[in-house]
Amino acid sequence: MSQKNETTILALALLLTVGIVGGGFWWFSNNGAKIGNNIVPNQEPGSRTSN
């Protein structure tokens, strides 16, 4: 392969990787809060301790 072809493939791979990582970050920032709210069990109103 020539240097020009390798540069084009490298740039496309970089753009694809950045797109996947960015899309994953966007997905989890929008949907992660909804999923994470169900992790903490419900407490009775008088059972909280104050610091």
Protein backbone atom coordinates (compact mmCIF):
# COMPACT_ATOMS: atom_id res chain seq x y z
CA MET A 1 0.00 0.00 0.00
CA SER A 2 1.11 3.52 -0.59
CA GLN A 3 1.42 6.12 2.14
CA LYS A 4 -1.64 8.01 0.88
CA ASN A 5 -3.91 4.96 1.14
CA GLU A 6 -2.70 4.21 4.67
CA THR A 7 -3.36 7.80 5.76
CA THR A 8 -6.92 7.69 4.40
CA ILE A 9 -7.69 4.39 6.11
CA LEU A 10 -6.16 5.62 9.37
CA ALA A 11 -8.22 8.82 9.28
CA LEU A 12 -11.45 6.88 8.59
CA ALA A 13 -10.69 4.44 11.41
CA LEU A 14 -10.06 7.36 13.77
CA LEU A 15 -13.34 9.04 12.81
CA LEU A 16 -15.23 5.78 13.26
CA THR A 17 -13.68 5.21 16.68
CA VAL A 18 -14.39 8.75 17.84
CA GLY A 19 -17.98 8.42 16.60
CA ILE A 20 -18.54 5.16 18.48
CA VAL A 21 -16.99 6.50 21.70
CA GLY A 22 -18.93 9.77 21.42
CA GLY A 23 -22.17 7.94 20.69
CA GLY A 24 -21.63 5.65 23.68
CA PHE A 25 -20.94 8.62 25.94
CA TRP A 26 -24.07 10.37 24.68
CA TRP A 27 -26.17 7.22 25.12
CA PHE A 28 -25.02 6.57 28.68
CA SER A 29 -25.26 10.23 29.71
CA ASN A 30 -28.90 10.33 28.54
CA ASN A 31 -30.01 6.85 29.60
CA GLY A 32 -27.58 6.06 32.40
CA ALA A 33 -29.39 8.28 34.91
CA LYS A 34 -32.65 6.46 34.28
CA ILE A 35 -30.99 3.08 34.77
CA GLY A 36 -28.98 4.23 37.79
CA ASN A 37 -32.01 5.50 39.73
CA ASN A 38 -33.26 1.95 40.27
CA ILE A 39 -30.06 0.78 41.95
CA VAL A 40 -30.63 2.51 45.32
CA PRO A 41 -33.28 0.73 47.39
CA ASN A 42 -36.19 2.73 48.74
CA GLN A 43 -35.90 3.77 52.38
CA GLU A 44 -38.65 4.50 54.83
CA PRO A 45 -39.07 8.23 55.54
CA GLY A 46 -37.82 8.07 59.16
CA SER A 47 -34.81 5.79 58.55
CA ARG A 48 -32.30 8.36 57.26
CA THR A 49 -29.35 9.25 59.45
CA SER A 50 -28.05 12.80 59.60
CA ASN A 51 -24.35 13.68 59.61
